Amino acid sequence: MRVRTVADRPQTDAGGAAKGMFRVGWVLTGFVGLFLLVDGGARLAGFAPYVEGMTKFGYQASLAPWIGLALLVSTILMLVPQTAPLGCILVTGYLGGATATQARVGDPWFLFPVALGVLSWLGLYLRDARLRALIPLRSCEKIDSA
């Protein structure tokens, strides 16, 4: 049994903004995770439209289960709080390959995997105070040069 630490809980501030960020982060992560789990599961199961889509992009149909398994493992790692950063890195790699493949063949939907990647990182950013501390967003203030 794992003991929960302060780092596991969202840091609260005035008005409970961190709690809201934490919830929105999980909603985004859940949305992306659900989509990727369905996609990976369909490839692993050999669902015909998914396998046909792969062959349309130049991949052998025999690779579908392996690509699906890689996506499922990466997505599960992204959904587990302790391994979420590693999972996001792996999901980003997968989605980068999908973007490159779609751009190579001129598919107009090539920005869809980019959007999923951005949403996966935004979800993690909103729910993990350690990531926000590592990559703080700062407002750009005008520098007075008087």
Protein backbone atom coordinates (compact mmCIF):
# COMPACT_ATOMS: atom_id res chain seq x y z
CA MET A 1 0.00 0.00 0.00
CA ARG A 2 1.37 3.37 -1.02
CA VAL A 3 1.29 6.28 1.39
CA ARG A 4 -0.11 9.43 -0.19
CA THR A 5 2.12 12.46 -0.05
CA VAL A 6 1.53 16.16 -0.46
CA ALA A 7 2.78 15.92 -4.06
CA ASP A 8 -0.12 13.56 -4.87
CA ARG A 9 -2.73 16.17 -3.99
CA PRO A 10 -3.43 19.32 -5.96
CA GLN A 11 -2.04 22.38 -4.25
CA THR A 12 -4.92 24.60 -3.16
CA ASP A 13 -4.85 28.35 -3.42
CA ALA A 14 -7.37 31.15 -3.03
CA GLY A 15 -10.71 30.13 -4.49
CA GLY A 16 -9.71 26.49 -5.05
CA ALA A 17 -8.32 27.24 -8.55
CA ALA A 18 -5.87 24.34 -8.31
CA LYS A 19 -8.70 21.91 -7.57
CA GLY A 20 -10.51 23.12 -10.69
CA MET A 21 -7.34 22.83 -12.76
CA PHE A 22 -6.86 19.30 -11.44
CA ARG A 23 -10.38 18.30 -12.50
CA VAL A 24 -10.12 19.90 -15.95
CA GLY A 25 -6.76 18.18 -16.37
CA TRP A 26 -8.34 14.79 -15.68
CA VAL A 27 -11.21 15.53 -18.07
CA LEU A 28 -8.72 16.33 -20.86
CA THR A 29 -6.57 13.30 -20.01
CA GLY A 30 -9.66 11.09 -19.92
CA PHE A 31 -10.86 12.35 -23.31
CA VAL A 32 -7.50 11.74 -24.97
CA GLY A 33 -7.02 8.45 -23.12
CA LEU A 34 -10.42 7.10 -24.15
CA PHE A 35 -9.81 7.97 -27.78
CA LEU A 36 -6.35 6.37 -27.78
CA LEU A 37 -7.52 3.24 -25.92
CA VAL A 38 -10.25 2.68 -28.51
CA ASP A 39 -7.78 3.32 -31.35
CA GLY A 40 -5.12 1.00 -29.90
CA GLY A 41 -7.64 -1.70 -28.99
CA ALA A 42 -9.15 -1.66 -32.48
CA ARG A 43 -5.71 -2.06 -34.04
CA LEU A 44 -4.77 -4.83 -31.62
CA ALA A 45 -8.04 -6.65 -32.36
CA GLY A 46 -7.55 -6.26 -36.12
CA PHE A 47 -10.73 -4.21 -36.65
CA ALA A 48 -10.97 -3.92 -40.45
CA PRO A 49 -11.35 -0.11 -40.87
CA TYR A 50 -8.26 0.50 -38.73
CA VAL A 51 -6.14 -2.08 -40.54
CA GLU A 52 -7.31 -0.77 -43.94
CA GLY A 53 -6.37 2.75 -42.84
CA MET A 54 -2.87 1.55 -42.02
CA THR A 55 -2.43 -0.10 -45.41
CA LYS A 56 -3.70 3.09 -47.06
CA PHE A 57 -0.82 4.92 -45.39
CA GLY A 58 1.72 2.32 -46.55
CA TYR A 59 2.05 0.04 -43.53
CA GLN A 60 1.71 -3.74 -43.64
CA ALA A 61 -1.48 -5.09 -42.08
CA SER A 62 0.63 -7.47 -39.96
CA LEU A 63 1.96 -4.47 -38.02
CA ALA A 64 -1.49 -3.44 -36.75
CA PRO A 65 -1.43 -5.53 -33.54
CA TRP A 66 2.07 -4.35 -32.63
CA ILE A 67 1.25 -0.71 -33.28
CA GLY A 68 -1.99 -1.13 -31.30
CA LEU A 69 -0.11 -2.74 -28.41
CA ALA A 70 2.45 0.09 -28.36
CA LEU A 71 -0.37 2.64 -28.26
CA LEU A 72 -2.24 0.78 -25.51
CA VAL A 73 0.84 0.48 -23.28
CA SER A 74 1.73 4.15 -23.81
CA THR A 75 -1.82 5.29 -23.09
CA ILE A 76 -2.13 3.19 -19.95
CA LEU A 77 1.15 4.65 -18.69
CA MET A 78 -0.25 8.13 -19.40
CA LEU A 79 -3.40 7.38 -17.38
CA VAL A 80 -1.59 6.09 -14.28
CA PRO A 81 -0.60 9.11 -12.15
CA GLN A 82 2.78 7.65 -11.11
CA THR A 83 3.85 7.01 -14.74
CA ALA A 84 1.96 9.84 -16.47
CA PRO A 85 5.02 11.85 -17.59
CA LEU A 86 6.59 8.78 -19.22
CA GLY A 87 3.24 7.91 -20.79
CA CYS A 88 2.85 11.42 -22.21
CA ILE A 89 6.34 11.22 -23.71
CA LEU A 90 5.55 7.86 -25.35
CA VAL A 91 2.13 9.02 -26.56
CA THR A 92 3.79 12.13 -28.03
CA GLY A 93 6.22 9.91 -29.94
CA TYR A 94 3.37 7.79 -31.28
CA LEU A 95 1.36 10.84 -32.30
CA GLY A 96 4.43 12.39 -33.91
CA GLY A 97 4.72 9.32 -36.11
CA ALA A 98 1.04 9.53 -36.96
CA THR A 99 1.43 13.21 -37.88
CA ALA A 100 4.45 12.51 -40.08
CA THR A 101 2.66 9.63 -41.81
CA GLN A 102 -0.44 11.67 -42.51
CA ALA A 103 1.56 14.68 -43.72
CA ARG A 104 3.63 12.43 -46.00
CA VAL A 105 0.55 11.20 -47.87
CA GLY A 106 -1.17 14.60 -47.89
CA ASP A 107 -4.00 13.68 -45.51
CA PRO A 108 -5.77 16.90 -44.48
CA TRP A 109 -6.32 15.51 -40.96
CA PHE A 110 -2.60 15.56 -40.13
CA LEU A 111 -3.15 18.18 -37.41
CA PHE A 112 -5.53 15.90 -35.46
CA PRO A 113 -2.73 13.89 -33.81
CA VAL A 114 -0.96 17.19 -33.03
CA ALA A 115 -4.10 18.40 -31.23
CA LEU A 116 -4.32 15.13 -29.26
CA GLY A 117 -0.70 15.49 -28.22
CA VAL A 118 -1.24 19.07 -27.07
CA LEU A 119 -4.35 18.04 -25.13
CA SER A 120 -2.51 15.15 -23.45
CA TRP A 121 0.25 17.48 -22.22
CA LEU A 122 -2.22 20.19 -21.22
CA GLY A 123 -4.15 17.63 -19.18
CA LEU A 124 -0.98 16.52 -17.40
CA TYR A 125 0.13 20.13 -16.88
CA LEU A 126 -3.16 21.06 -15.24
CA ARG A 127 -3.22 18.08 -12.89
CA ASP A 128 0.45 17.84 -11.90
CA ALA A 129 1.90 20.64 -9.77
CA ARG A 130 5.41 19.24 -10.26
CA LEU A 131 5.17 19.75 -14.03
CA ARG A 132 3.83 23.27 -13.52
CA ALA A 133 6.81 23.99 -11.24
CA LEU A 134 9.19 22.57 -13.85
CA ILE A 135 7.62 24.54 -16.73
CA PRO A 136 6.07 27.69 -15.29
CA LEU A 137 3.92 29.83 -17.55
CA ARG A 138 4.77 33.45 -17.08
CA SER A 139 3.13 36.54 -18.42
CA CYS A 140 5.24 38.65 -20.69
CA GLU A 141 5.58 42.05 -19.15
CA LYS A 142 6.66 45.08 -21.11
CA ILE A 143 10.19 46.02 -20.21
CA ASP A 144 10.65 49.70 -19.51
CA SER A 145 13.85 50.95 -21.07
CA ALA A 146 13.84 54.46 -19.67
